[in-house]
Amino acid sequence: MAVTIKDIARAAGVSYSTVSRALNGIGSGNNERRQKIIKIAEEMGYMPNQAAINLKLSRSYNIGLYFSTISKMSSPFVLHEVLMGVYNITGSQYNVVVKGIDMHKPGSLNPSFFDGIIVLSQRNEDILFIEEVHDKEIPMVIICRTVFFDAPNVTTDEAEAMGKAMDLLLQNGHRKICVIEGNANLDSTKERRKGWRVSMLRHGLDPDKIPVYQGNYRYTSGYQATHQILAKPELPTAILCFNDEMAFGARNAIYEHGLTVPEDISLVGFDNWDLSGYANMRLTTVERNMGEIAKEGTRVLLRRLDEGIIDNSRIYLENKLIVRETVRDLNARSVC
C-alpha cells in the first residue's frame, strides 16, 4: 500500500497539514522540523500523488463555505461555531469565503475560484446547488445533513439526540409537556420532530397529544411561544425546545409569569450553546458539536485537496445529553 501524508504525520508526530506544508515548501515554519519530515518521507518511500500535484498547480487556495440560508440563518451561534471549526483546520493556508445557497444564482459557480466547497445543508432545495458543485467537478463535503449523493457527509443523528432529550423528561415523570419546534422547512426540524415522537411511542404514549408550538430557532420565537403556552388554563410541567436560543427565550417568559425553572416548569434545549452552562441557568441540553462537525468535514476536504484521497463515506459524530439543573424529577421531587 502506498505511503500517504497521513502515515508520515503519524511517524513524525505532527498533523498531516504540517507534513503537507513541509513537503510543498509552504510557509516559514521550523526548518529543522521540515527537514525531519522530509527525511522521514524519504525513508518511508513516499511518492507524491500526481493528481494532487496537478491540482496544486492551478489552486486558488479559496474554500467556499455555503450555508442553506445565510440571509435567514437559524442561529448566529451555528454560523460562529462552524466558522471557527473550519478556520481551526485551514489555518492561514486557505481563504474561507462564506456565502448563502439561498442567495446563489444557479449556474454562476466558477470552478477556478474554489479549490473546494463545504456545504452546510439543511433543506431539500440545496440539492440543486450540490448538483451544480458536483457537475462542475469542484471537490465538496456536505455537513449537518445526510444527503444520498456522491460526496462525503459529516453529520449527527439529530432524531436520536432529540429522542434522548424527550426520554429524560419522560423518565423523570413528565407527561404534561409542550414542544417548541424550529423552522418547519429545515431538515433539522424534521429530524428532531421524528426523535421526540419516537421517544413518546417507545414509552407507550401518544405523541399527537403533545401541544406543539412553532418557533424559528431564534430567542424571540421561544419567548413568544412560551407566553402562548402560559396563557393556557393548564400549565405544562416541562417545555422541550428545539435549540438553546429558544430555551433562553422560554426561560425569561417563564420568569415574567412569576414562575421558576425547574421548580414550576422544567426546560430542555438542544445544541449546548455557549451560554447553556451559565447565565443564571444551567440548562439541560443535547450537545451537537457544530465546531467538531465543521472540523471533521474540513479535514475530509483537505485530505482530498492535499493528498488526492477521495473518501465519500458518511461520518456520524456522537451527540451527548448534557444533564444540568433545569429538569425536575417528579418521581423523586428533586432536580437534575
C-alpha atoms as a PDB file:
ATOM      1  CA  MET A   1       0.000   0.000   0.000  1.00  0.00           C
ATOM      2  CA  ALA A   2       1.315   3.443  -0.947  1.00  0.00           C
ATOM      3  CA  VAL A   3       2.589   5.646   1.868  1.00  0.00           C
ATOM      4  CA  THR A   4       0.385   8.695   2.460  1.00  0.00           C
ATOM      5  CA  ILE A   5       0.940  12.050   4.131  1.00  0.00           C
ATOM      6  CA  LYS A   6      -1.156  10.716   6.999  1.00  0.00           C
ATOM      7  CA  ASP A   7       1.360   7.890   7.537  1.00  0.00           C
ATOM      8  CA  ILE A   8       4.229  10.377   7.582  1.00  0.00           C
ATOM      9  CA  ALA A   9       2.350  12.620  10.017  1.00  0.00           C
ATOM     10  CA  ARG A  10       1.845   9.673  12.370  1.00  0.00           C
ATOM     11  CA  ALA A  11       5.523   8.746  12.218  1.00  0.00           C
ATOM     12  CA  ALA A  12       6.655  12.342  12.742  1.00  0.00           C
ATOM     13  CA  GLY A  13       4.138  13.055  15.492  1.00  0.00           C
ATOM     14  CA  VAL A  14       2.676  16.111  13.702  1.00  0.00           C
ATOM     15  CA  SER A  15      -0.539  16.971  11.860  1.00  0.00           C
ATOM     16  CA  TYR A  16      -0.983  15.979   8.224  1.00  0.00           C
ATOM     17  CA  SER A  17      -1.346  19.678   7.280  1.00  0.00           C
ATOM     18  CA  THR A  18       2.113  20.293   8.810  1.00  0.00           C
ATOM     19  CA  VAL A  19       3.524  17.475   6.680  1.00  0.00           C
ATOM     20  CA  SER A  20       1.786  18.835   3.585  1.00  0.00           C
ATOM     21  CA  ARG A  21       3.234  22.315   4.127  1.00  0.00           C
ATOM     22  CA  ALA A  22       6.703  20.884   4.766  1.00  0.00           C
ATOM     23  CA  LEU A  23       6.735  18.723   1.634  1.00  0.00           C
ATOM     24  CA  ASN A  24       5.388  21.541  -0.511  1.00  0.00           C
ATOM     25  CA  GLY A  25       7.646  24.258   0.915  1.00  0.00           C
ATOM     26  CA  ILE A  26       4.712  26.331   2.145  1.00  0.00           C
ATOM     27  CA  GLY A  27       5.179  28.830   4.965  1.00  0.00           C
ATOM     28  CA  SER A  28       8.190  29.790   7.032  1.00  0.00           C
ATOM     29  CA  GLY A  29       7.919  27.301   9.851  1.00  0.00           C
ATOM     30  CA  ASN A  30      10.591  25.442  11.797  1.00  0.00           C
ATOM     31  CA  ASN A  31      13.265  24.461   9.239  1.00  0.00           C
ATOM     32  CA  GLU A  32      14.652  21.665  11.428  1.00  0.00           C
ATOM     33  CA  ARG A  33      11.204  20.114  11.701  1.00  0.00           C
ATOM     34  CA  ARG A  34      10.711  20.448   7.945  1.00  0.00           C
ATOM     35  CA  GLN A  35      13.968  18.623   7.246  1.00  0.00           C
ATOM     36  CA  LYS A  36      12.996  15.897   9.706  1.00  0.00           C
ATOM     37  CA  ILE A  37       9.660  15.418   7.930  1.00  0.00           C
ATOM     38  CA  ILE A  38      11.323  15.279   4.518  1.00  0.00           C
ATOM     39  CA  LYS A  39      13.801  12.690   5.806  1.00  0.00           C
ATOM     40  CA  ILE A  40      11.006  10.521   7.271  1.00  0.00           C
ATOM     41  CA  ALA A  41       9.111  10.756   3.962  1.00  0.00           C
ATOM     42  CA  GLU A  42      12.188   9.590   2.033  1.00  0.00           C
ATOM     43  CA  GLU A  43      12.851   6.728   4.435  1.00  0.00           C
ATOM     44  CA  MET A  44       9.228   5.560   4.165  1.00  0.00           C
ATOM     45  CA  GLY A  45       9.361   5.676   0.366  1.00  0.00           C
ATOM     46  CA  TYR A  46       6.718   8.342  -0.036  1.00  0.00           C
ATOM     47  CA  MET A  47       5.710   9.076  -3.639  1.00  0.00           C
ATOM     48  CA  PRO A  48       3.624  12.235  -4.214  1.00  0.00           C
ATOM     49  CA  ASN A  49       0.170  11.746  -5.705  1.00  0.00           C
ATOM     50  CA  GLN A  50       0.442  13.144  -9.232  1.00  0.00           C
ATOM     51  CA  ALA A  51      -3.233  14.058  -9.414  1.00  0.00           C
ATOM     52  CA  ALA A  52      -2.863  16.077  -6.238  1.00  0.00           C
ATOM     53  CA  ILE A  53       0.253  17.764  -7.630  1.00  0.00           C
ATOM     54  CA  ASN A  54      -1.577  18.735 -10.811  1.00  0.00           C
ATOM     55  CA  LEU A  55      -4.383  20.155  -8.704  1.00  0.00           C
ATOM     56  CA  LYS A  56      -1.951  22.245  -6.658  1.00  0.00           C
ATOM     57  CA  LEU A  57      -0.556  23.886  -9.802  1.00  0.00           C
ATOM     58  CA  SER A  58      -3.877  25.577 -10.515  1.00  0.00           C
ATOM     59  CA  ARG A  59      -5.013  26.232  -6.963  1.00  0.00           C
ATOM     60  CA  SER A  60      -6.771  29.374  -5.828  1.00  0.00           C
ATOM     61  CA  TYR A  61      -6.445  28.487  -2.128  1.00  0.00           C
ATOM     62  CA  ASN A  62     -10.065  29.569  -1.656  1.00  0.00           C
ATOM     63  CA  ILE A  63     -12.543  27.301   0.117  1.00  0.00           C
ATOM     64  CA  GLY A  64     -16.229  28.099  -0.162  1.00  0.00           C
ATOM     65  CA  LEU A  65     -18.426  27.707   2.930  1.00  0.00           C
ATOM     66  CA  TYR A  66     -22.036  27.675   1.762  1.00  0.00           C
ATOM     67  CA  PHE A  67     -24.942  27.768   4.230  1.00  0.00           C
ATOM     68  CA  SER A  68     -28.512  26.851   3.305  1.00  0.00           C
ATOM     69  CA  THR A  69     -29.901  30.220   4.354  1.00  0.00           C
ATOM     70  CA  ILE A  70     -27.282  32.845   5.049  1.00  0.00           C
ATOM     71  CA  SER A  71     -29.945  35.592   4.811  1.00  0.00           C
ATOM     72  CA  LYS A  72     -32.160  33.906   7.435  1.00  0.00           C
ATOM     73  CA  MET A  73     -29.642  31.934   9.459  1.00  0.00           C
ATOM     74  CA  SER A  74     -31.279  29.786  12.131  1.00  0.00           C
ATOM     75  CA  SER A  75     -28.831  30.990  14.793  1.00  0.00           C
ATOM     76  CA  PRO A  76     -25.669  33.116  14.781  1.00  0.00           C
ATOM     77  CA  PHE A  77     -24.250  30.523  17.195  1.00  0.00           C
ATOM     78  CA  VAL A  78     -24.306  27.923  14.409  1.00  0.00           C
ATOM     79  CA  LEU A  79     -22.520  30.239  11.991  1.00  0.00           C
ATOM     80  CA  HIS A  80     -19.885  31.131  14.585  1.00  0.00           C
ATOM     81  CA  GLU A  81     -19.187  27.528  15.606  1.00  0.00           C
ATOM     82  CA  VAL A  82     -18.909  26.303  12.016  1.00  0.00           C
ATOM     83  CA  LEU A  83     -16.618  29.174  11.007  1.00  0.00           C
ATOM     84  CA  MET A  84     -14.344  28.589  13.993  1.00  0.00           C
ATOM     85  CA  GLY A  85     -14.223  24.870  13.208  1.00  0.00           C
ATOM     86  CA  VAL A  86     -13.268  25.470   9.583  1.00  0.00           C
ATOM     87  CA  TYR A  87     -10.652  28.117  10.457  1.00  0.00           C
ATOM     88  CA  ASN A  88      -9.143  25.797  13.074  1.00  0.00           C
ATOM     89  CA  ILE A  89      -8.246  23.282  10.358  1.00  0.00           C
ATOM     90  CA  THR A  90      -7.471  25.527   7.379  1.00  0.00           C
ATOM     91  CA  GLY A  91      -5.310  27.951   9.360  1.00  0.00           C
ATOM     92  CA  SER A  92      -3.741  30.589   7.137  1.00  0.00           C
ATOM     93  CA  GLN A  93      -3.284  28.234   4.197  1.00  0.00           C
ATOM     94  CA  TYR A  94      -6.728  28.932   2.704  1.00  0.00           C
ATOM     95  CA  ASN A  95      -9.126  31.844   2.330  1.00  0.00           C
ATOM     96  CA  VAL A  96     -12.615  30.908   3.534  1.00  0.00           C
ATOM     97  CA  VAL A  97     -15.401  32.533   1.508  1.00  0.00           C
ATOM     98  CA  VAL A  98     -18.833  32.450   3.226  1.00  0.00           C
ATOM     99  CA  LYS A  99     -21.939  32.502   1.044  1.00  0.00           C
ATOM    100  CA  GLY A 100     -25.627  31.564   1.170  1.00  0.00           C
ATOM    101  CA  ILE A 101     -27.194  28.946  -1.078  1.00  0.00           C
ATOM    102  CA  ASP A 102     -30.458  30.890  -0.925  1.00  0.00           C
ATOM    103  CA  MET A 103     -28.641  33.890  -2.455  1.00  0.00           C
ATOM    104  CA  HIS A 104     -26.804  31.859  -5.120  1.00  0.00           C
ATOM    105  CA  LYS A 105     -27.624  32.404  -8.794  1.00  0.00           C
ATOM    106  CA  PRO A 106     -27.926  28.947 -10.400  1.00  0.00           C
ATOM    107  CA  GLY A 107     -25.130  28.218 -12.854  1.00  0.00           C
ATOM    108  CA  SER A 108     -22.879  31.018 -11.599  1.00  0.00           C
ATOM    109  CA  LEU A 109     -20.282  28.881  -9.771  1.00  0.00           C
ATOM    110  CA  ASN A 110     -16.764  29.431 -11.101  1.00  0.00           C
ATOM    111  CA  PRO A 111     -14.724  26.200 -10.706  1.00  0.00           C
ATOM    112  CA  SER A 112     -11.438  28.099 -10.912  1.00  0.00           C
ATOM    113  CA  PHE A 113     -12.347  30.280  -7.925  1.00  0.00           C
ATOM    114  CA  PHE A 114     -12.730  27.473  -5.380  1.00  0.00           C
ATOM    115  CA  ASP A 115     -10.364  24.622  -4.584  1.00  0.00           C
ATOM    116  CA  GLY A 116     -13.217  23.034  -2.651  1.00  0.00           C
ATOM    117  CA  ILE A 117     -16.598  23.762  -1.106  1.00  0.00           C
ATOM    118  CA  ILE A 118     -18.080  22.895   2.287  1.00  0.00           C
ATOM    119  CA  VAL A 119     -21.879  22.807   2.179  1.00  0.00           C
ATOM    120  CA  LEU A 120     -23.843  23.180   5.411  1.00  0.00           C
ATOM    121  CA  SER A 121     -27.083  21.750   4.059  1.00  0.00           C
ATOM    122  CA  GLN A 122     -30.392  21.993   5.909  1.00  0.00           C
ATOM    123  CA  ARG A 123     -33.021  21.897   3.135  1.00  0.00           C
ATOM    124  CA  ASN A 124     -34.080  19.622   0.298  1.00  0.00           C
ATOM    125  CA  GLU A 125     -33.778  22.599  -2.056  1.00  0.00           C
ATOM    126  CA  ASP A 126     -29.999  22.556  -1.518  1.00  0.00           C
ATOM    127  CA  ILE A 127     -29.691  19.518  -3.792  1.00  0.00           C
ATOM    128  CA  LEU A 128     -29.773  21.784  -6.879  1.00  0.00           C
ATOM    129  CA  PHE A 129     -26.718  23.655  -5.610  1.00  0.00           C
ATOM    130  CA  ILE A 130     -24.999  20.396  -4.613  1.00  0.00           C
ATOM    131  CA  GLU A 131     -25.599  19.036  -8.121  1.00  0.00           C
ATOM    132  CA  GLU A 132     -24.052  22.176  -9.632  1.00  0.00           C
ATOM    133  CA  VAL A 133     -20.938  21.794  -7.476  1.00  0.00           C
ATOM    134  CA  HIS A 134     -20.694  18.140  -8.474  1.00  0.00           C
ATOM    135  CA  ASP A 135     -21.271  18.786 -12.201  1.00  0.00           C
ATOM    136  CA  LYS A 136     -18.524  21.426 -12.207  1.00  0.00           C
ATOM    137  CA  GLU A 137     -16.189  18.905 -10.526  1.00  0.00           C
ATOM    138  CA  ILE A 138     -15.411  21.062  -7.514  1.00  0.00           C
ATOM    139  CA  PRO A 139     -14.313  18.922  -4.537  1.00  0.00           C
ATOM    140  CA  MET A 140     -17.042  19.067  -1.916  1.00  0.00           C
ATOM    141  CA  VAL A 141     -18.070  17.867   1.548  1.00  0.00           C
ATOM    142  CA  ILE A 142     -21.599  18.124   2.948  1.00  0.00           C
ATOM    143  CA  ILE A 143     -22.056  18.701   6.675  1.00  0.00           C
ATOM    144  CA  CYS A 144     -25.008  18.642   9.093  1.00  0.00           C
ATOM    145  CA  ARG A 145     -27.258  16.609   6.824  1.00  0.00           C
ATOM    146  CA  THR A 146     -27.237  13.146   5.286  1.00  0.00           C
ATOM    147  CA  VAL A 147     -27.500  13.531   1.522  1.00  0.00           C
ATOM    148  CA  PHE A 148     -27.502  10.411  -0.630  1.00  0.00           C
ATOM    149  CA  PHE A 149     -25.090  11.847  -3.144  1.00  0.00           C
ATOM    150  CA  ASP A 150     -21.627  11.064  -4.464  1.00  0.00           C
ATOM    151  CA  ALA A 151     -19.897  13.214  -1.834  1.00  0.00           C
ATOM    152  CA  PRO A 152     -18.721  12.779   1.764  1.00  0.00           C
ATOM    153  CA  ASN A 153     -21.187  13.609   4.561  1.00  0.00           C
ATOM    154  CA  VAL A 154     -20.347  14.594   8.143  1.00  0.00           C
ATOM    155  CA  THR A 155     -23.290  14.936  10.483  1.00  0.00           C
ATOM    156  CA  THR A 156     -25.004  13.665  13.619  1.00  0.00           C
ATOM    157  CA  ASP A 157     -28.181  11.697  14.237  1.00  0.00           C
ATOM    158  CA  GLU A 158     -30.458  14.542  15.341  1.00  0.00           C
ATOM    159  CA  ALA A 159     -33.504  12.294  15.674  1.00  0.00           C
ATOM    160  CA  GLU A 160     -31.674  10.049  18.136  1.00  0.00           C
ATOM    161  CA  ALA A 161     -30.403  13.098  20.009  1.00  0.00           C
ATOM    162  CA  MET A 162     -33.838  14.668  20.450  1.00  0.00           C
ATOM    163  CA  GLY A 163     -35.156  11.274  21.454  1.00  0.00           C
ATOM    164  CA  LYS A 164     -32.660  11.294  24.345  1.00  0.00           C
ATOM    165  CA  ALA A 165     -33.970  14.694  25.448  1.00  0.00           C
ATOM    166  CA  MET A 166     -37.592  13.522  25.500  1.00  0.00           C
ATOM    167  CA  ASP A 167     -36.563  10.260  27.179  1.00  0.00           C
ATOM    168  CA  LEU A 168     -35.084  12.278  30.031  1.00  0.00           C
ATOM    169  CA  LEU A 169     -38.311  14.200  30.601  1.00  0.00           C
ATOM    170  CA  LEU A 170     -40.447  11.061  30.479  1.00  0.00           C
ATOM    171  CA  GLN A 171     -38.102   9.143  32.787  1.00  0.00           C
ATOM    172  CA  ASN A 172     -38.432  11.978  35.283  1.00  0.00           C
ATOM    173  CA  GLY A 173     -42.199  11.642  35.375  1.00  0.00           C
ATOM    174  CA  HIS A 174     -43.212  14.438  32.996  1.00  0.00           C
ATOM    175  CA  ARG A 175     -46.338  13.927  30.932  1.00  0.00           C
ATOM    176  CA  LYS A 176     -47.646  17.499  30.580  1.00  0.00           C
ATOM    177  CA  ILE A 177     -45.014  18.540  28.042  1.00  0.00           C
ATOM    178  CA  CYS A 178     -45.041  21.263  25.386  1.00  0.00           C
ATOM    179  CA  VAL A 179     -42.665  21.353  22.427  1.00  0.00           C
ATOM    180  CA  ILE A 180     -41.318  24.475  20.698  1.00  0.00           C
ATOM    181  CA  GLU A 181     -40.083  23.468  17.259  1.00  0.00           C
ATOM    182  CA  GLY A 182     -37.814  25.275  14.778  1.00  0.00           C
ATOM    183  CA  ASN A 183     -38.218  26.336  11.137  1.00  0.00           C
ATOM    184  CA  ALA A 184     -40.662  23.896   9.589  1.00  0.00           C
ATOM    185  CA  ASN A 185     -38.843  23.688   6.229  1.00  0.00           C
ATOM    186  CA  LEU A 186     -35.427  22.731   7.658  1.00  0.00           C
ATOM    187  CA  ASP A 187     -34.306  19.114   7.807  1.00  0.00           C
ATOM    188  CA  SER A 188     -33.011  19.638  11.345  1.00  0.00           C
ATOM    189  CA  THR A 189     -36.572  20.400  12.478  1.00  0.00           C
ATOM    190  CA  LYS A 190     -37.966  17.338  10.731  1.00  0.00           C
ATOM    191  CA  GLU A 191     -35.326  15.056  12.257  1.00  0.00           C
ATOM    192  CA  ARG A 192     -35.745  16.449  15.776  1.00  0.00           C
ATOM    193  CA  ARG A 193     -39.530  16.131  15.495  1.00  0.00           C
ATOM    194  CA  LYS A 194     -39.118  12.497  14.488  1.00  0.00           C
ATOM    195  CA  GLY A 195     -36.885  11.929  17.514  1.00  0.00           C
ATOM    196  CA  TRP A 196     -39.196  13.181  20.259  1.00  0.00           C
ATOM    197  CA  ARG A 197     -42.199  11.468  18.681  1.00  0.00           C
ATOM    198  CA  VAL A 198     -40.394   8.114  18.526  1.00  0.00           C
ATOM    199  CA  SER A 199     -39.421   8.561  22.179  1.00  0.00           C
ATOM    200  CA  MET A 200     -43.086   9.043  23.121  1.00  0.00           C
ATOM    201  CA  LEU A 201     -44.042   5.885  21.240  1.00  0.00           C
ATOM    202  CA  ARG A 202     -41.255   3.941  22.974  1.00  0.00           C
ATOM    203  CA  HIS A 203     -42.824   4.885  26.291  1.00  0.00           C
ATOM    204  CA  GLY A 204     -46.293   3.822  25.147  1.00  0.00           C
ATOM    205  CA  LEU A 205     -47.552   7.415  24.837  1.00  0.00           C
ATOM    206  CA  ASP A 206     -49.392   9.239  22.055  1.00  0.00           C
ATOM    207  CA  PRO A 207     -47.200  11.979  20.517  1.00  0.00           C
ATOM    208  CA  ASP A 208     -50.233  13.602  18.891  1.00  0.00           C
ATOM    209  CA  LYS A 209     -51.441  14.667  22.336  1.00  0.00           C
ATOM    210  CA  ILE A 210     -48.366  16.848  22.885  1.00  0.00           C
ATOM    211  CA  PRO A 211     -49.014  20.573  22.195  1.00  0.00           C
ATOM    212  CA  VAL A 212     -46.536  21.824  19.578  1.00  0.00           C
ATOM    213  CA  TYR A 213     -45.681  25.497  19.065  1.00  0.00           C
ATOM    214  CA  GLN A 214     -43.885  26.914  16.029  1.00  0.00           C
ATOM    215  CA  GLY A 215     -40.579  28.693  16.565  1.00  0.00           C
ATOM    216  CA  ASN A 216     -37.764  29.662  14.206  1.00  0.00           C
ATOM    217  CA  TYR A 217     -34.661  28.837  16.316  1.00  0.00           C
ATOM    218  CA  ARG A 218     -34.347  32.448  17.486  1.00  0.00           C
ATOM    219  CA  TYR A 219     -34.668  33.776  21.042  1.00  0.00           C
ATOM    220  CA  THR A 220     -37.808  35.833  20.340  1.00  0.00           C
ATOM    221  CA  SER A 221     -39.744  32.875  18.962  1.00  0.00           C
ATOM    222  CA  GLY A 222     -39.048  30.837  22.104  1.00  0.00           C
ATOM    223  CA  TYR A 223     -40.064  33.786  24.260  1.00  0.00           C
ATOM    224  CA  GLN A 224     -43.322  34.398  22.364  1.00  0.00           C
ATOM    225  CA  ALA A 225     -44.259  30.713  22.141  1.00  0.00           C
ATOM    226  CA  THR A 226     -43.816  30.321  25.904  1.00  0.00           C
ATOM    227  CA  HIS A 227     -46.098  33.285  26.581  1.00  0.00           C
ATOM    228  CA  GLN A 228     -48.706  31.482  24.462  1.00  0.00           C
ATOM    229  CA  ILE A 229     -48.155  28.288  26.435  1.00  0.00           C
ATOM    230  CA  LEU A 230     -48.500  30.019  29.785  1.00  0.00           C
ATOM    231  CA  ALA A 231     -51.696  31.776  28.699  1.00  0.00           C
ATOM    232  CA  LYS A 232     -53.472  28.396  28.646  1.00  0.00           C
ATOM    233  CA  PRO A 233     -55.567  27.321  31.662  1.00  0.00           C
ATOM    234  CA  GLU A 234     -53.406  24.262  32.391  1.00  0.00           C
ATOM    235  CA  LEU A 235     -49.644  24.735  32.701  1.00  0.00           C
ATOM    236  CA  PRO A 236     -47.161  22.146  31.463  1.00  0.00           C
ATOM    237  CA  THR A 237     -44.570  20.628  33.770  1.00  0.00           C
ATOM    238  CA  ALA A 238     -41.898  20.824  31.048  1.00  0.00           C
ATOM    239  CA  ILE A 239     -41.045  22.547  27.785  1.00  0.00           C
ATOM    240  CA  LEU A 240     -38.795  20.892  25.197  1.00  0.00           C
ATOM    241  CA  CYS A 241     -37.119  23.433  22.876  1.00  0.00           C
ATOM    242  CA  PHE A 242     -35.507  22.600  19.543  1.00  0.00           C
ATOM    243  CA  ASN A 243     -32.471  24.734  20.387  1.00  0.00           C
ATOM    244  CA  ASP A 244     -30.884  26.551  23.306  1.00  0.00           C
ATOM    245  CA  GLU A 245     -31.527  30.044  21.990  1.00  0.00           C
ATOM    246  CA  MET A 246     -35.281  29.437  22.103  1.00  0.00           C
ATOM    247  CA  ALA A 247     -34.871  27.810  25.524  1.00  0.00           C
ATOM    248  CA  PHE A 248     -33.354  31.023  26.878  1.00  0.00           C
ATOM    249  CA  GLY A 249     -36.319  32.941  25.469  1.00  0.00           C
ATOM    250  CA  ALA A 250     -38.636  30.434  27.129  1.00  0.00           C
ATOM    251  CA  ARG A 251     -36.828  30.837  30.459  1.00  0.00           C
ATOM    252  CA  ASN A 252     -37.344  34.593  30.502  1.00  0.00           C
ATOM    253  CA  ALA A 253     -41.028  34.265  29.626  1.00  0.00           C
ATOM    254  CA  ILE A 254     -41.443  31.755  32.472  1.00  0.00           C
ATOM    255  CA  TYR A 255     -39.842  34.192  34.922  1.00  0.00           C
ATOM    256  CA  GLU A 256     -42.061  37.045  33.727  1.00  0.00           C
ATOM    257  CA  HIS A 257     -45.068  34.944  34.693  1.00  0.00           C
ATOM    258  CA  GLY A 258     -43.719  34.675  38.238  1.00  0.00           C
ATOM    259  CA  LEU A 259     -42.683  31.050  37.760  1.00  0.00           C
ATOM    260  CA  THR A 260     -39.274  29.399  38.104  1.00  0.00           C
ATOM    261  CA  VAL A 261     -37.164  26.762  36.357  1.00  0.00           C
ATOM    262  CA  PRO A 262     -37.216  23.873  37.207  1.00  0.00           C
ATOM    263  CA  GLU A 263     -39.451  24.097  40.308  1.00  0.00           C
ATOM    264  CA  ASP A 264     -42.536  25.083  38.283  1.00  0.00           C
ATOM    265  CA  ILE A 265     -41.552  24.209  34.727  1.00  0.00           C
ATOM    266  CA  SER A 266     -38.640  22.079  33.535  1.00  0.00           C
ATOM    267  CA  LEU A 267     -36.736  23.113  30.430  1.00  0.00           C
ATOM    268  CA  VAL A 268     -34.569  21.245  27.898  1.00  0.00           C
ATOM    269  CA  GLY A 269     -32.701  22.691  24.917  1.00  0.00           C
ATOM    270  CA  PHE A 270     -30.547  21.455  22.053  1.00  0.00           C
ATOM    271  CA  ASP A 271     -27.041  22.412  20.788  1.00  0.00           C
ATOM    272  CA  ASN A 272     -25.197  23.108  24.072  1.00  0.00           C
ATOM    273  CA  TRP A 273     -24.918  26.779  23.179  1.00  0.00           C
ATOM    274  CA  ASP A 274     -22.087  28.819  24.733  1.00  0.00           C
ATOM    275  CA  LEU A 275     -24.413  30.181  27.420  1.00  0.00           C
ATOM    276  CA  SER A 276     -26.084  26.858  28.263  1.00  0.00           C
ATOM    277  CA  GLY A 277     -23.909  26.233  31.311  1.00  0.00           C
ATOM    278  CA  TYR A 278     -24.250  29.643  32.949  1.00  0.00           C
ATOM    279  CA  ALA A 279     -26.199  32.948  32.565  1.00  0.00           C
ATOM    280  CA  ASN A 280     -28.157  32.135  35.760  1.00  0.00           C
ATOM    281  CA  MET A 281     -29.483  28.914  34.228  1.00  0.00           C
ATOM    282  CA  ARG A 282     -27.547  25.689  33.912  1.00  0.00           C
ATOM    283  CA  LEU A 283     -29.570  24.345  31.010  1.00  0.00           C
ATOM    284  CA  THR A 284     -30.016  20.649  30.408  1.00  0.00           C
ATOM    285  CA  THR A 285     -29.456  20.194  26.687  1.00  0.00           C
ATOM    286  CA  VAL A 286     -28.197  17.973  23.889  1.00  0.00           C
ATOM    287  CA  GLU A 287     -24.704  18.705  22.639  1.00  0.00           C
ATOM    288  CA  ARG A 288     -24.457  18.747  18.869  1.00  0.00           C
ATOM    289  CA  ASN A 289     -20.920  19.991  18.474  1.00  0.00           C
ATOM    290  CA  MET A 290     -21.083  22.090  15.321  1.00  0.00           C
ATOM    291  CA  GLY A 291     -17.420  23.013  15.669  1.00  0.00           C
ATOM    292  CA  GLU A 292     -16.336  19.354  15.597  1.00  0.00           C
ATOM    293  CA  ILE A 293     -18.636  18.619  12.654  1.00  0.00           C
ATOM    294  CA  ALA A 294     -17.068  21.511  10.746  1.00  0.00           C
ATOM    295  CA  LYS A 295     -13.542  20.414  11.697  1.00  0.00           C
ATOM    296  CA  GLU A 296     -14.090  16.841  10.541  1.00  0.00           C
ATOM    297  CA  GLY A 297     -15.709  17.992   7.302  1.00  0.00           C
ATOM    298  CA  THR A 298     -12.776  20.309   6.619  1.00  0.00           C
ATOM    299  CA  ARG A 299     -10.285  17.510   7.349  1.00  0.00           C
ATOM    300  CA  VAL A 300     -12.050  15.278   4.808  1.00  0.00           C
ATOM    301  CA  LEU A 301     -11.938  18.032   2.186  1.00  0.00           C
ATOM    302  CA  LEU A 302      -8.265  18.883   2.802  1.00  0.00           C
ATOM    303  CA  ARG A 303      -7.262  15.223   2.578  1.00  0.00           C
ATOM    304  CA  ARG A 304      -8.634  15.294  -0.945  1.00  0.00           C
ATOM    305  CA  LEU A 305      -7.019  18.618  -1.816  1.00  0.00           C
ATOM    306  CA  ASP A 306      -3.624  17.900  -0.220  1.00  0.00           C
ATOM    307  CA  GLU A 307      -3.314  14.167  -0.823  1.00  0.00           C
ATOM    308  CA  GLY A 308      -5.773  13.304  -3.574  1.00  0.00           C
ATOM    309  CA  ILE A 309      -7.651  10.960  -1.195  1.00  0.00           C
ATOM    310  CA  ILE A 310     -11.321  10.727  -2.178  1.00  0.00           C
ATOM    311  CA  ASP A 311     -13.488   9.378   0.638  1.00  0.00           C
ATOM    312  CA  ASN A 312     -17.256   9.595   0.066  1.00  0.00           C
ATOM    313  CA  SER A 313     -18.184   7.897   3.330  1.00  0.00           C
ATOM    314  CA  ARG A 314     -20.865   9.136   5.742  1.00  0.00           C
ATOM    315  CA  ILE A 315     -19.430  10.092   9.114  1.00  0.00           C
ATOM    316  CA  TYR A 316     -21.737  10.366  12.120  1.00  0.00           C
ATOM    317  CA  LEU A 317     -20.389  12.148  15.180  1.00  0.00           C
ATOM    318  CA  GLU A 318     -21.840  11.423  18.612  1.00  0.00           C
ATOM    319  CA  ASN A 319     -24.475  13.572  20.305  1.00  0.00           C
ATOM    320  CA  LYS A 320     -24.343  13.843  24.093  1.00  0.00           C
ATOM    321  CA  LEU A 321     -27.116  14.576  26.556  1.00  0.00           C
ATOM    322  CA  ILE A 322     -25.759  17.220  28.958  1.00  0.00           C
ATOM    323  CA  VAL A 323     -27.730  16.957  32.200  1.00  0.00           C
ATOM    324  CA  ARG A 324     -27.518  20.094  34.318  1.00  0.00           C
ATOM    325  CA  GLU A 325     -30.135  21.703  36.560  1.00  0.00           C
ATOM    326  CA  THR A 326     -33.292  22.521  34.601  1.00  0.00           C
ATOM    327  CA  VAL A 327     -35.219  19.250  34.781  1.00  0.00           C
ATOM    328  CA  ARG A 328     -37.193  18.434  37.900  1.00  0.00           C
ATOM    329  CA  ASP A 329     -37.592  14.767  38.786  1.00  0.00           C
ATOM    330  CA  LEU A 330     -41.291  14.487  39.526  1.00  0.00           C
ATOM    331  CA  ASN A 331     -40.775  10.923  40.752  1.00  0.00           C
ATOM    332  CA  ALA A 332     -38.277  11.905  43.468  1.00  0.00           C
ATOM    333  CA  ARG A 333     -39.159  15.597  43.894  1.00  0.00           C
ATOM    334  CA  SER A 334     -35.616  16.631  43.033  1.00  0.00           C
ATOM    335  CA  VAL A 335     -33.837  18.294  40.134  1.00  0.00           C
ATOM    336  CA  CYS A 336     -31.314  17.025  37.629  1.00  0.00           C
END
